[in-house]
């Protein structure tokens, strides 16, 4: 019985760590996607020299 409890405890710890890693991954991915989206808008901006006078 003790062996089963140890195995379940280890499986629970592994699942908790995997959940944390997945959460961090998705948070970073969402942040980078948002950052790249705003960078793309700035890159595609073309200034008009006729309005700078």
C-alpha atoms as a PDB file:
ATOM      1  CA  UNK A   1       0.000   0.000   0.000  1.00  0.00           C
ATOM      2  CA  UNK A   2       2.862   2.372   0.757  1.00  0.00           C
ATOM      3  CA  UNK A   3       4.350   1.707  -2.678  1.00  0.00           C
ATOM      4  CA  UNK A   4       1.139   2.781  -4.418  1.00  0.00           C
ATOM      5  CA  UNK A   5       0.999   6.002  -2.364  1.00  0.00           C
ATOM      6  CA  UNK A   6       4.594   6.825  -3.304  1.00  0.00           C
ATOM      7  CA  UNK A   7       3.921   6.200  -6.991  1.00  0.00           C
ATOM      8  CA  UNK A   8       0.781   8.369  -6.941  1.00  0.00           C
ATOM      9  CA  UNK A   9       2.669  11.108  -5.100  1.00  0.00           C
ATOM     10  CA  UNK A  10       5.453  11.089  -7.708  1.00  0.00           C
ATOM     11  CA  UNK A  11       2.919  11.108 -10.568  1.00  0.00           C
ATOM     12  CA  UNK A  12       1.139  14.047  -8.946  1.00  0.00           C
ATOM     13  CA  UNK A  13       4.371  15.995  -8.606  1.00  0.00           C
ATOM     14  CA  UNK A  14       5.293  15.312 -12.251  1.00  0.00           C
ATOM     15  CA  UNK A  15       1.848  16.454 -13.423  1.00  0.00           C
ATOM     16  CA  UNK A  16       2.058  19.617 -11.300  1.00  0.00           C
ATOM     17  CA  UNK A  17       5.479  20.491 -12.752  1.00  0.00           C
ATOM     18  CA  UNK A  18       4.224  19.818 -16.280  1.00  0.00           C
ATOM     19  CA  UNK A  19       1.239  22.097 -15.648  1.00  0.00           C
ATOM     20  CA  UNK A  20       3.473  24.920 -14.444  1.00  0.00           C
ATOM     21  CA  UNK A  21       5.773  24.535 -17.447  1.00  0.00           C
ATOM     22  CA  UNK A  22       2.798  24.578 -19.846  1.00  0.00           C
ATOM     23  CA  UNK A  23       1.396  27.695 -18.163  1.00  0.00           C
ATOM     24  CA  UNK A  24       4.700  29.542 -18.435  1.00  0.00           C
ATOM     25  CA  UNK A  25       5.078  28.460 -22.074  1.00  0.00           C
ATOM     26  CA  UNK A  26       1.651  29.761 -23.072  1.00  0.00           C
ATOM     27  CA  UNK A  27       2.146  33.023 -21.153  1.00  0.00           C
ATOM     28  CA  UNK A  28       5.492  33.670 -22.863  1.00  0.00           C
ATOM     29  CA  UNK A  29       4.080  32.700 -26.263  1.00  0.00           C
ATOM     30  CA  UNK A  30       1.140  35.070 -25.833  1.00  0.00           C
ATOM     31  CA  UNK A  31       3.470  37.898 -24.758  1.00  0.00           C
ATOM     32  CA  UNK A  32       5.843  37.365 -27.684  1.00  0.00           C
ATOM     33  CA  UNK A  33       2.984  37.162 -30.199  1.00  0.00           C
ATOM     34  CA  UNK A  34       1.603  40.450 -28.894  1.00  0.00           C
ATOM     35  CA  UNK A  35       5.050  42.065 -28.986  1.00  0.00           C
ATOM     36  CA  UNK A  36       5.724  40.850 -32.552  1.00  0.00           C
ATOM     37  CA  UNK A  37       2.334  42.108 -33.696  1.00  0.00           C
ATOM     38  CA  UNK A  38       3.095  45.670 -32.568  1.00  0.00           C
ATOM     39  CA  UNK A  39       6.619  45.462 -34.007  1.00  0.00           C
ATOM     40  CA  UNK A  40       5.203  44.434 -37.379  1.00  0.00           C
ATOM     41  CA  UNK A  41       2.920  47.458 -37.409  1.00  0.00           C
ATOM     42  CA  UNK A  42       5.857  49.787 -36.776  1.00  0.00           C
ATOM     43  CA  UNK A  43       8.006  48.057 -39.411  1.00  0.00           C
ATOM     44  CA  UNK A  44       5.396  48.436 -42.134  1.00  0.00           C
ATOM     45  CA  UNK A  45       4.944  52.148 -41.471  1.00  0.00           C
ATOM     46  CA  UNK A  46       6.095  54.352 -44.345  1.00  0.00           C
ATOM     47  CA  UNK A  47       6.478  58.041 -43.677  1.00  0.00           C
ATOM     48  CA  UNK A  48       5.383  60.575 -46.242  1.00  0.00           C
ATOM     49  CA  UNK A  49       8.069  63.170 -46.939  1.00  0.00           C
ATOM     50  CA  UNK A  50       5.518  65.633 -48.315  1.00  0.00           C
ATOM     51  CA  UNK A  51       3.984  66.067 -44.851  1.00  0.00           C
ATOM     52  CA  UNK A  52       7.290  66.731 -43.093  1.00  0.00           C
ATOM     53  CA  UNK A  53       7.728  70.275 -44.446  1.00  0.00           C
END
